[in-house]
Each structure stands twice: as C-alpha cells, then as structure tokens.
Amino acid sequence: MKNTLVLVVLVCLIQTAQAQIQIGIRGSFSQITAAETSKELTNVEPLEMLNLNYTSSSNQVSYGLMVHDENEKVFFSSELLYKKSKHNFELEDVMESLKRNEAVSEFSYQHTDLSIPLAAGLKVSNFKIGGGPIFNFRLNSENSLAQTESISSTDPKLNMGFQFLVGYIVNKHFHIDLKREVSFNRIGNNYKYLGQPLKLQSSANAFSLSIGIFL
C-alpha cells in the first residue's frame, strides 16, 4: 500500500514537472466524527474494575503552508499544517460505584501535531478529485488523567491516515477543498492498562473544509 502511494506521487510529480508551482497559505476547519466506545478493565490482585469511556473529540482548526502543482489533467499538492486535537474520556471505578461513592472522573488528552497531507489526482476544468496519505508528527501533548497506577500513557511520535479530496479552483489565487480524512490509529492508543494497549474500537476521522490562498 505504501509503495503504491509513493508511486502515484512520483508519477504525478513527473507529469507536472513543467507546470508552475504555487506556494500559499492553507486554513482548515475539521469536524471530528468518532463513535462513543467503552472498555472494561479488570485486575484480580488488587481487585479492580474500571470502565473507560471515550465520549467526544473537539473540532479542529489547522493552518500552515501549501504547495500546489498542476497541468491540464492532473494535480499534486502538499501541506505543512499546525493543528491541535482534544479527546475526552470518562473513567468509572465500578467498585466505588457499588459503595455509592463518587466513582466517575472526566479527563482529556490534548496534543499538538505537525501534519503533512499529500494529495494527487485528476483535474477536470476547474474541478479536482484525488487523495493521498497524511503524516502527523506529534510535537507535544497534555494528559489530564489523575494519577492512576494501573493506567499509563505514552506518546506515539507518528500517526498516519489517508485523505479523499474534492476541490474547486476558483482562480489561480484561491482554492476550496472538501476532505474526508481517515485515521489509521485508534483513539486512546496512547494509553495502556497494566502495560497492555487499551485497543479502543474507535478512530477520530474528520470532514474538513479547507481554503488555500496563493501568491
């Protein structure tokens, strides 16, 4: 799969080699779509029963630079974006709940990424349709989970995904794109319970509206 993506990008680069490269700024607003999911966590010694629930993700605003290259039939674009993400969770202590004590705590995981989406595809008149890989490099993160000995957090340095793109070239200075961004990673993949990955069954995909302004 990765070799195929690299080949597509190289072909598009070769075909657009004689076209004029445009450099501009890119801004995007993304609505995160992910299903709520839960994970039961149990331990015998000491006896522990927890429910970890993913509840929601905040919408994203990203901004940065964009390079666009095209000819009459194909296009290629690359972006360098700064973006922040926030995922919200609940942790329920079942044992405390049975005792009718305060058993549910809310926490969040926030991270800042340097995102590099690549896209290539067909151009018909002023319309373009295509796709390509997304590389997200973790810059920093903040975890508000209170100290819990059995749950630990590690930060993945690279997360990958794929984007499907439909766009319209208003003129050589202004592009509008709609994207469907699919993440290859699960929400909460930074957390481990007793040293084992949680493996929550939900991914933070996104619908994005992006605007590019070129010099």
C-alpha atoms as a PDB file:
ATOM      1  CA  MET A   1       0.000   0.000   0.000  1.00  0.00           C
ATOM      2  CA  LYS A   2       2.761   2.470   0.970  1.00  0.00           C
ATOM      3  CA  ASN A   3       4.756   1.621  -2.185  1.00  0.00           C
ATOM      4  CA  THR A   4       1.661   2.254  -4.333  1.00  0.00           C
ATOM      5  CA  LEU A   5       1.120   5.663  -2.734  1.00  0.00           C
ATOM      6  CA  VAL A   6       4.749   6.625  -3.321  1.00  0.00           C
ATOM      7  CA  LEU A   7       4.479   5.511  -6.976  1.00  0.00           C
ATOM      8  CA  VAL A   8       1.324   7.610  -7.521  1.00  0.00           C
ATOM      9  CA  VAL A   9       3.013  10.672  -6.060  1.00  0.00           C
ATOM     10  CA  LEU A  10       6.115  10.189  -8.222  1.00  0.00           C
ATOM     11  CA  VAL A  11       4.042   9.780 -11.392  1.00  0.00           C
ATOM     12  CA  CYS A  12       2.137  12.970 -10.661  1.00  0.00           C
ATOM     13  CA  LEU A  13       5.367  14.833  -9.940  1.00  0.00           C
ATOM     14  CA  ILE A  14       6.809  13.737 -13.281  1.00  0.00           C
ATOM     15  CA  GLN A  15       3.669  14.692 -15.200  1.00  0.00           C
ATOM     16  CA  THR A  16       3.516  18.117 -13.567  1.00  0.00           C
ATOM     17  CA  ALA A  17       7.216  18.862 -13.787  1.00  0.00           C
ATOM     18  CA  GLN A  18       6.695  21.551 -16.410  1.00  0.00           C
ATOM     19  CA  ALA A  19       3.792  23.192 -14.636  1.00  0.00           C
ATOM     20  CA  GLN A  20       4.109  26.266 -12.477  1.00  0.00           C
ATOM     21  CA  ILE A  21       4.388  25.535  -8.744  1.00  0.00           C
ATOM     22  CA  GLN A  22       2.244  27.708  -6.480  1.00  0.00           C
ATOM     23  CA  ILE A  23       3.030  28.431  -2.832  1.00  0.00           C
ATOM     24  CA  GLY A  24       0.420  29.791  -0.447  1.00  0.00           C
ATOM     25  CA  ILE A  25      -1.258  29.561   2.923  1.00  0.00           C
ATOM     26  CA  ARG A  26      -3.854  26.976   3.950  1.00  0.00           C
ATOM     27  CA  GLY A  27      -6.520  27.067   6.640  1.00  0.00           C
ATOM     28  CA  SER A  28      -8.874  24.218   7.547  1.00  0.00           C
ATOM     29  CA  PHE A  29     -11.826  23.598   9.841  1.00  0.00           C
ATOM     30  CA  SER A  30     -12.449  19.935  10.674  1.00  0.00           C
ATOM     31  CA  GLN A  31     -15.440  18.271  12.318  1.00  0.00           C
ATOM     32  CA  ILE A  32     -14.318  15.117  14.107  1.00  0.00           C
ATOM     33  CA  THR A  33     -16.537  12.048  13.725  1.00  0.00           C
ATOM     34  CA  ALA A  34     -15.999   9.098  16.056  1.00  0.00           C
ATOM     35  CA  ALA A  35     -18.346   6.647  17.739  1.00  0.00           C
ATOM     36  CA  GLU A  36     -18.502   6.572  21.526  1.00  0.00           C
ATOM     37  CA  THR A  37     -16.786   3.452  22.788  1.00  0.00           C
ATOM     38  CA  SER A  38     -16.079   1.758  26.130  1.00  0.00           C
ATOM     39  CA  LYS A  39     -13.502  -0.630  27.513  1.00  0.00           C
ATOM     40  CA  GLU A  40     -13.822  -2.779  30.644  1.00  0.00           C
ATOM     41  CA  LEU A  41     -10.585  -3.018  32.620  1.00  0.00           C
ATOM     42  CA  THR A  42     -10.219  -5.624  35.370  1.00  0.00           C
ATOM     43  CA  ASN A  43      -7.458  -6.805  37.648  1.00  0.00           C
ATOM     44  CA  VAL A  44      -7.551  -9.569  40.287  1.00  0.00           C
ATOM     45  CA  GLU A  45      -4.772  -8.547  42.684  1.00  0.00           C
ATOM     46  CA  PRO A  46      -5.521  -5.983  43.864  1.00  0.00           C
ATOM     47  CA  LEU A  47      -9.175  -6.260  42.864  1.00  0.00           C
ATOM     48  CA  GLU A  48     -10.011  -3.528  40.384  1.00  0.00           C
ATOM     49  CA  MET A  49     -12.884  -2.963  37.964  1.00  0.00           C
ATOM     50  CA  LEU A  50     -12.834   0.078  35.714  1.00  0.00           C
ATOM     51  CA  ASN A  51     -14.837   1.299  32.733  1.00  0.00           C
ATOM     52  CA  LEU A  52     -13.015   3.632  30.366  1.00  0.00           C
ATOM     53  CA  ASN A  53     -15.351   5.559  28.055  1.00  0.00           C
ATOM     54  CA  TYR A  54     -14.393   7.705  25.088  1.00  0.00           C
ATOM     55  CA  THR A  55     -17.061  10.432  24.886  1.00  0.00           C
ATOM     56  CA  SER A  56     -16.136  13.065  22.282  1.00  0.00           C
ATOM     57  CA  SER A  57     -13.468  14.980  20.364  1.00  0.00           C
ATOM     58  CA  SER A  58     -13.280  18.707  19.811  1.00  0.00           C
ATOM     59  CA  ASN A  59     -13.408  20.197  16.335  1.00  0.00           C
ATOM     60  CA  GLN A  60     -10.037  21.171  14.854  1.00  0.00           C
ATOM     61  CA  VAL A  61      -8.670  24.327  13.291  1.00  0.00           C
ATOM     62  CA  SER A  62      -5.387  23.931  11.407  1.00  0.00           C
ATOM     63  CA  TYR A  63      -3.247  26.363   9.436  1.00  0.00           C
ATOM     64  CA  GLY A  64       0.037  26.472   7.601  1.00  0.00           C
ATOM     65  CA  LEU A  65       1.645  26.386   4.164  1.00  0.00           C
ATOM     66  CA  MET A  66       0.603  24.674   0.931  1.00  0.00           C
ATOM     67  CA  VAL A  67       2.375  23.848  -2.330  1.00  0.00           C
ATOM     68  CA  HIS A  68       0.249  23.155  -5.420  1.00  0.00           C
ATOM     69  CA  ASP A  69       1.319  21.934  -8.851  1.00  0.00           C
ATOM     70  CA  GLU A  70      -0.918  21.155 -11.837  1.00  0.00           C
ATOM     71  CA  ASN A  71      -1.275  20.801 -15.572  1.00  0.00           C
ATOM     72  CA  GLU A  72      -4.381  20.328 -17.706  1.00  0.00           C
ATOM     73  CA  LYS A  73      -5.111  16.796 -16.431  1.00  0.00           C
ATOM     74  CA  VAL A  74      -3.545  16.154 -13.029  1.00  0.00           C
ATOM     75  CA  PHE A  75      -2.544  17.973  -9.854  1.00  0.00           C
ATOM     76  CA  PHE A  76      -0.302  17.433  -6.866  1.00  0.00           C
ATOM     77  CA  SER A  77      -0.388  19.265  -3.528  1.00  0.00           C
ATOM     78  CA  SER A  78       1.477  19.116  -0.259  1.00  0.00           C
ATOM     79  CA  GLU A  79       0.719  20.894   3.007  1.00  0.00           C
ATOM     80  CA  LEU A  80       2.549  21.673   6.227  1.00  0.00           C
ATOM     81  CA  LEU A  81      -0.051  22.321   8.932  1.00  0.00           C
ATOM     82  CA  TYR A  82      -0.062  23.086  12.641  1.00  0.00           C
ATOM     83  CA  LYS A  83      -3.066  21.589  14.416  1.00  0.00           C
ATOM     84  CA  LYS A  84      -4.356  20.868  17.912  1.00  0.00           C
ATOM     85  CA  SER A  85      -6.600  17.964  18.935  1.00  0.00           C
ATOM     86  CA  LYS A  86      -8.535  17.153  22.096  1.00  0.00           C
ATOM     87  CA  HIS A  87     -10.186  13.830  23.013  1.00  0.00           C
ATOM     88  CA  ASN A  88     -12.450  13.495  26.055  1.00  0.00           C
ATOM     89  CA  PHE A  89     -12.868  10.439  28.267  1.00  0.00           C
ATOM     90  CA  GLU A  90     -14.642   9.208  31.399  1.00  0.00           C
ATOM     91  CA  LEU A  91     -13.211   6.724  33.871  1.00  0.00           C
ATOM     92  CA  GLU A  92     -15.631   4.874  36.140  1.00  0.00           C
ATOM     93  CA  ASP A  93     -14.475   2.901  39.177  1.00  0.00           C
ATOM     94  CA  VAL A  94     -17.095   0.141  39.439  1.00  0.00           C
ATOM     95  CA  MET A  95     -16.002  -0.843  42.961  1.00  0.00           C
ATOM     96  CA  GLU A  96     -16.500   2.707  44.224  1.00  0.00           C
ATOM     97  CA  SER A  97     -19.818   2.917  42.401  1.00  0.00           C
ATOM     98  CA  LEU A  98     -21.070  -0.135  44.323  1.00  0.00           C
ATOM     99  CA  LYS A  99     -20.157   1.672  47.530  1.00  0.00           C
ATOM    100  CA  ARG A 100     -22.135   4.683  46.278  1.00  0.00           C
ATOM    101  CA  ASN A 101     -19.042   6.838  46.347  1.00  0.00           C
ATOM    102  CA  GLU A 102     -18.015   9.342  43.700  1.00  0.00           C
ATOM    103  CA  ALA A 103     -16.885   6.928  41.007  1.00  0.00           C
ATOM    104  CA  VAL A 104     -16.746   8.793  37.677  1.00  0.00           C
ATOM    105  CA  SER A 105     -13.952  11.162  36.705  1.00  0.00           C
ATOM    106  CA  GLU A 106     -13.589  13.082  33.444  1.00  0.00           C
ATOM    107  CA  PHE A 107     -10.273  13.685  31.733  1.00  0.00           C
ATOM    108  CA  SER A 108      -8.903  14.656  28.333  1.00  0.00           C
ATOM    109  CA  TYR A 109      -5.896  14.058  26.127  1.00  0.00           C
ATOM    110  CA  GLN A 110      -4.713  17.060  24.111  1.00  0.00           C
ATOM    111  CA  HIS A 111      -1.946  17.010  21.549  1.00  0.00           C
ATOM    112  CA  THR A 112      -0.344  19.294  19.003  1.00  0.00           C
ATOM    113  CA  ASP A 113       0.803  17.850  15.683  1.00  0.00           C
ATOM    114  CA  LEU A 114       2.736  18.902  12.640  1.00  0.00           C
ATOM    115  CA  SER A 115       0.593  17.449   9.851  1.00  0.00           C
ATOM    116  CA  ILE A 116       1.838  16.750   6.312  1.00  0.00           C
ATOM    117  CA  PRO A 117      -1.019  15.751   3.960  1.00  0.00           C
ATOM    118  CA  LEU A 118      -0.127  14.786   0.390  1.00  0.00           C
ATOM    119  CA  ALA A 119      -2.708  14.646  -2.408  1.00  0.00           C
ATOM    120  CA  ALA A 120      -2.640  13.789  -6.098  1.00  0.00           C
ATOM    121  CA  GLY A 121      -5.380  13.179  -8.635  1.00  0.00           C
ATOM    122  CA  LEU A 122      -7.319  14.298 -11.672  1.00  0.00           C
ATOM    123  CA  LYS A 123      -8.144  17.838 -12.736  1.00  0.00           C
ATOM    124  CA  VAL A 124     -11.159  18.438 -14.994  1.00  0.00           C
ATOM    125  CA  SER A 125     -11.606  22.081 -15.901  1.00  0.00           C
ATOM    126  CA  ASN A 126     -11.540  23.827 -12.508  1.00  0.00           C
ATOM    127  CA  PHE A 127     -12.541  20.735 -10.518  1.00  0.00           C
ATOM    128  CA  LYS A 128     -10.105  18.346  -8.876  1.00  0.00           C
ATOM    129  CA  ILE A 129     -10.565  14.963  -7.224  1.00  0.00           C
ATOM    130  CA  GLY A 130      -7.901  12.841  -5.589  1.00  0.00           C
ATOM    131  CA  GLY A 131      -6.380  11.590  -2.385  1.00  0.00           C
ATOM    132  CA  GLY A 132      -3.204  10.701  -0.595  1.00  0.00           C
ATOM    133  CA  PRO A 133      -1.513   9.869   2.717  1.00  0.00           C
ATOM    134  CA  ILE A 134      -1.379  12.019   5.848  1.00  0.00           C
ATOM    135  CA  PHE A 135       1.614  12.043   8.198  1.00  0.00           C
ATOM    136  CA  ASN A 136       1.062  13.506  11.676  1.00  0.00           C
ATOM    137  CA  PHE A 137       4.179  14.126  13.774  1.00  0.00           C
ATOM    138  CA  ARG A 138       3.493  14.661  17.492  1.00  0.00           C
ATOM    139  CA  LEU A 139       5.021  17.887  18.847  1.00  0.00           C
ATOM    140  CA  ASN A 140       3.683  17.819  22.406  1.00  0.00           C
ATOM    141  CA  SER A 141       0.768  16.587  24.483  1.00  0.00           C
ATOM    142  CA  GLU A 142      -1.099  17.179  27.731  1.00  0.00           C
ATOM    143  CA  ASN A 143      -2.877  14.458  29.675  1.00  0.00           C
ATOM    144  CA  SER A 144      -5.305  15.419  32.471  1.00  0.00           C
ATOM    145  CA  LEU A 145      -5.838  11.857  33.748  1.00  0.00           C
ATOM    146  CA  ALA A 146      -5.321  11.860  37.508  1.00  0.00           C
ATOM    147  CA  GLN A 147      -2.621   9.602  38.869  1.00  0.00           C
ATOM    148  CA  THR A 148      -3.793   6.016  38.329  1.00  0.00           C
ATOM    149  CA  GLU A 149      -1.170   3.355  38.877  1.00  0.00           C
ATOM    150  CA  SER A 150      -2.703   0.800  36.513  1.00  0.00           C
ATOM    151  CA  ILE A 151      -3.137   3.203  33.557  1.00  0.00           C
ATOM    152  CA  SER A 152      -0.109   4.732  31.867  1.00  0.00           C
ATOM    153  CA  SER A 153       0.298   6.996  28.865  1.00  0.00           C
ATOM    154  CA  THR A 154       2.930   7.004  26.138  1.00  0.00           C
ATOM    155  CA  ASP A 155       3.095   9.414  23.224  1.00  0.00           C
ATOM    156  CA  PRO A 156       3.288   7.970  19.677  1.00  0.00           C
ATOM    157  CA  LYS A 157       5.633  10.090  17.583  1.00  0.00           C
ATOM    158  CA  LEU A 158       3.933   9.385  14.239  1.00  0.00           C
ATOM    159  CA  ASN A 159       0.310   8.770  13.322  1.00  0.00           C
ATOM    160  CA  MET A 160      -0.811   8.147   9.760  1.00  0.00           C
ATOM    161  CA  GLY A 161      -4.021   8.444   7.804  1.00  0.00           C
ATOM    162  CA  PHE A 162      -5.483   8.929   4.337  1.00  0.00           C
ATOM    163  CA  GLN A 163      -7.478  11.739   2.763  1.00  0.00           C
ATOM    164  CA  PHE A 164     -10.074  11.833  -0.022  1.00  0.00           C
ATOM    165  CA  LEU A 165     -10.380  15.249  -1.626  1.00  0.00           C
ATOM    166  CA  VAL A 166     -12.841  17.085  -3.873  1.00  0.00           C
ATOM    167  CA  GLY A 167     -11.964  20.666  -4.711  1.00  0.00           C
ATOM    168  CA  TYR A 168     -12.649  23.648  -6.904  1.00  0.00           C
ATOM    169  CA  ILE A 169     -10.082  26.097  -8.249  1.00  0.00           C
ATOM    170  CA  VAL A 170     -11.846  29.467  -8.158  1.00  0.00           C
ATOM    171  CA  ASN A 171      -8.826  31.116  -9.760  1.00  0.00           C
ATOM    172  CA  LYS A 172      -5.059  30.785  -9.550  1.00  0.00           C
ATOM    173  CA  HIS A 173      -5.075  32.543  -6.176  1.00  0.00           C
ATOM    174  CA  PHE A 174      -7.977  30.799  -4.421  1.00  0.00           C
ATOM    175  CA  HIS A 175      -8.809  27.083  -3.908  1.00  0.00           C
ATOM    176  CA  ILE A 176     -11.637  25.449  -1.925  1.00  0.00           C
ATOM    177  CA  ASP A 177     -11.423  21.791  -0.881  1.00  0.00           C
ATOM    178  CA  LEU A 178     -13.672  19.327   0.920  1.00  0.00           C
ATOM    179  CA  LYS A 179     -11.861  16.420   2.547  1.00  0.00           C
ATOM    180  CA  ARG A 180     -12.677  13.146   4.225  1.00  0.00           C
ATOM    181  CA  GLU A 181      -9.752  12.268   6.465  1.00  0.00           C
ATOM    182  CA  VAL A 182      -9.443   8.706   7.776  1.00  0.00           C
ATOM    183  CA  SER A 183      -7.095   7.915  10.654  1.00  0.00           C
ATOM    184  CA  PHE A 184      -5.199   4.619  10.766  1.00  0.00           C
ATOM    185  CA  ASN A 185      -4.889   4.922  14.566  1.00  0.00           C
ATOM    186  CA  ARG A 186      -7.424   4.285  17.326  1.00  0.00           C
ATOM    187  CA  ILE A 187      -8.467   6.924  19.834  1.00  0.00           C
ATOM    188  CA  GLY A 188      -6.713   6.348  23.140  1.00  0.00           C
ATOM    189  CA  ASN A 189      -3.852   4.407  21.549  1.00  0.00           C
ATOM    190  CA  ASN A 190      -1.537   6.376  23.837  1.00  0.00           C
ATOM    191  CA  TYR A 191      -2.987   4.659  26.934  1.00  0.00           C
ATOM    192  CA  LYS A 192      -2.020   1.291  28.400  1.00  0.00           C
ATOM    193  CA  TYR A 193      -3.633  -0.733  31.197  1.00  0.00           C
ATOM    194  CA  LEU A 194      -1.145  -2.826  33.194  1.00  0.00           C
ATOM    195  CA  GLY A 195       1.308  -2.357  30.349  1.00  0.00           C
ATOM    196  CA  GLN A 196      -1.083  -3.557  27.628  1.00  0.00           C
ATOM    197  CA  PRO A 197      -2.616  -1.288  24.930  1.00  0.00           C
ATOM    198  CA  LEU A 198      -6.282  -0.435  25.528  1.00  0.00           C
ATOM    199  CA  LYS A 199      -7.273  -1.001  21.865  1.00  0.00           C
ATOM    200  CA  LEU A 200     -10.407   1.123  21.861  1.00  0.00           C
ATOM    201  CA  GLN A 201     -12.502   0.386  18.772  1.00  0.00           C
ATOM    202  CA  SER A 202     -12.977   3.942  17.517  1.00  0.00           C
ATOM    203  CA  SER A 203     -10.959   6.230  15.238  1.00  0.00           C
ATOM    204  CA  ALA A 204     -11.069  10.031  15.052  1.00  0.00           C
ATOM    205  CA  ASN A 205     -11.942  10.629  11.392  1.00  0.00           C
ATOM    206  CA  ALA A 206     -12.800  14.062  10.072  1.00  0.00           C
ATOM    207  CA  PHE A 207     -14.754  16.066   7.498  1.00  0.00           C
ATOM    208  CA  SER A 208     -12.788  19.187   6.592  1.00  0.00           C
ATOM    209  CA  LEU A 209     -13.374  22.432   4.736  1.00  0.00           C
ATOM    210  CA  SER A 210     -10.067  23.879   3.553  1.00  0.00           C
ATOM    211  CA  ILE A 211      -9.212  27.158   1.862  1.00  0.00           C
ATOM    212  CA  GLY A 212      -5.932  27.845   0.079  1.00  0.00           C
ATOM    213  CA  ILE A 213      -4.743  31.345  -0.818  1.00  0.00           C
ATOM    214  CA  PHE A 214      -1.788  31.530  -3.206  1.00  0.00           C
ATOM    215  CA  LEU A 215       0.649  34.260  -4.085  1.00  0.00           C
END
